[in-house]
Amino acid sequence: MSRDRLPPVDVLHYEIVQEQASALGRMGRTLERALARLREFDAAHVREETPASAQPARSKLVTEAGHALWMFVVQREATGLRDSRHIMRTYNVPGEVQRCMGLVPTPSKPTST
């Protein structure tokens, strides 16, 4: 049966499911990028040797990854996928990122000159 012959409610449902899948993909890619930035930072700065001046930058990366994780988990739950353990294993999400999941990164304060 072609989409033209489907009842309008079925066409709408199809469109909603397509958008949910698209949003889920976008959120997953955002999480992947945030985790990659954190891993790149950690690879460039050995934890024991990381200068104190670099800690705020790392903390920001952890918070951003936590926010991306939160957005991805919420999107998955909206589609009915409730078990987030799969995400944690598949994306190898560090515990510190999991603990800050849901925190909204604070915007940078403009510097006054």
Protein backbone atom coordinates (compact mmCIF):
# COMPACT_ATOMS: atom_id res chain seq x y z
CA MET A 1 0.00 0.00 0.00
CA SER A 2 1.44 3.39 -0.96
CA ARG A 3 1.67 6.25 1.53
CA ASP A 4 -0.90 8.16 -0.52
CA ARG A 5 -3.55 5.60 0.39
CA LEU A 6 -2.79 5.46 4.10
CA PRO A 7 -5.12 7.22 6.52
CA PRO A 8 -3.75 10.64 7.55
CA VAL A 9 -3.14 9.44 11.12
CA ASP A 10 -0.87 6.65 9.83
CA VAL A 11 1.06 9.08 7.65
CA LEU A 12 1.50 11.36 10.66
CA HIS A 13 2.68 8.45 12.81
CA TYR A 14 5.19 7.49 10.12
CA GLU A 15 6.54 11.05 10.01
CA ILE A 16 6.84 11.19 13.81
CA VAL A 17 8.75 7.90 13.93
CA GLN A 18 11.08 9.14 11.18
CA GLU A 19 11.81 12.32 13.13
CA GLN A 20 12.40 10.37 16.35
CA ALA A 21 14.93 8.17 14.57
CA SER A 22 16.63 11.18 13.04
CA ALA A 23 16.82 12.98 16.40
CA LEU A 24 18.17 9.84 18.05
CA GLY A 25 20.92 9.67 15.45
CA ARG A 26 21.82 13.33 15.93
CA MET A 27 21.98 12.95 19.71
CA GLY A 28 24.15 9.83 19.38
CA ARG A 29 26.59 11.62 17.09
CA THR A 30 26.71 14.58 19.47
CA LEU A 31 27.56 12.24 22.34
CA GLU A 32 30.24 10.53 20.26
CA ARG A 33 31.86 13.89 19.44
CA ALA A 34 31.76 15.06 23.08
CA LEU A 35 33.34 11.82 24.30
CA ALA A 36 35.97 12.01 21.55
CA ARG A 37 36.93 15.57 22.60
CA LEU A 38 37.29 14.41 26.22
CA ARG A 39 39.39 11.39 25.21
CA GLU A 40 41.60 13.56 22.99
CA PHE A 41 42.14 15.97 25.86
CA ASP A 42 43.01 13.11 28.20
CA ALA A 43 45.40 11.62 25.64
CA ALA A 44 47.19 14.95 25.32
CA HIS A 45 47.34 15.49 29.10
CA VAL A 46 48.41 12.61 31.29
CA ARG A 47 46.11 12.86 34.34
CA GLU A 48 48.91 12.93 36.93
CA GLU A 49 50.81 15.56 34.97
CA THR A 50 47.89 17.78 33.94
CA PRO A 51 48.58 21.31 35.13
CA ALA A 52 46.00 22.89 37.41
CA SER A 53 45.37 25.50 34.71
CA ALA A 54 44.03 22.77 32.38
CA GLN A 55 41.55 21.37 34.92
CA PRO A 56 38.76 23.88 34.13
CA ALA A 57 39.00 22.96 30.44
CA ARG A 58 38.74 19.26 31.26
CA SER A 59 35.88 19.87 33.67
CA LYS A 60 34.03 21.71 30.91
CA LEU A 61 34.54 18.77 28.52
CA VAL A 62 33.21 16.34 31.15
CA THR A 63 30.15 18.54 31.75
CA GLU A 64 29.48 18.89 28.02
CA ALA A 65 29.75 15.11 27.57
CA GLY A 66 27.39 14.63 30.52
CA HIS A 67 24.89 16.98 28.94
CA ALA A 68 25.16 15.19 25.58
CA LEU A 69 24.66 11.86 27.38
CA TRP A 70 21.57 13.21 29.11
CA MET A 71 20.09 14.44 25.84
CA PHE A 72 20.73 11.06 24.19
CA VAL A 73 19.22 9.10 27.09
CA VAL A 74 16.12 11.31 27.12
CA GLN A 75 15.69 10.92 23.35
CA ARG A 76 16.04 7.13 23.65
CA GLU A 77 13.51 7.02 26.46
CA ALA A 78 11.09 9.09 24.38
CA THR A 79 11.20 6.34 21.76
CA GLY A 80 10.59 3.63 24.36
CA LEU A 81 14.19 2.48 24.84
CA ARG A 82 14.50 2.65 28.61
CA ASP A 83 17.66 0.66 29.43
CA SER A 84 20.60 3.05 29.31
CA ARG A 85 23.17 0.43 30.36
CA HIS A 86 23.56 -0.42 26.68
CA ILE A 87 24.61 3.17 25.93
CA MET A 88 27.16 3.20 28.75
CA ARG A 89 28.79 0.01 27.45
CA THR A 90 28.57 0.75 23.72
CA TYR A 91 29.91 4.29 23.98
CA ASN A 92 32.29 3.41 26.84
CA VAL A 93 31.00 6.36 28.87
CA PRO A 94 33.31 7.19 31.81
CA GLY A 95 31.77 7.15 35.28
CA GLU A 96 32.50 10.83 35.84
CA VAL A 97 30.48 11.67 32.71
CA GLN A 98 27.62 9.47 33.90
CA ARG A 99 27.63 11.21 37.29
CA CYS A 100 27.25 14.67 35.76
CA MET A 101 24.58 13.53 33.29
CA GLY A 102 21.85 16.13 33.11
CA LEU A 103 23.90 19.06 34.29
CA VAL A 104 23.59 21.98 31.93
CA PRO A 105 26.94 23.53 30.99
CA THR A 106 27.18 27.09 32.25
CA PRO A 107 27.70 29.64 29.51
CA SER A 108 31.05 31.35 29.41
CA LYS A 109 31.09 34.70 31.11
CA PRO A 110 32.07 37.54 28.83
CA THR A 111 35.27 39.22 29.89
CA SER A 112 35.10 42.93 30.46
CA THR A 113 37.82 45.07 28.99
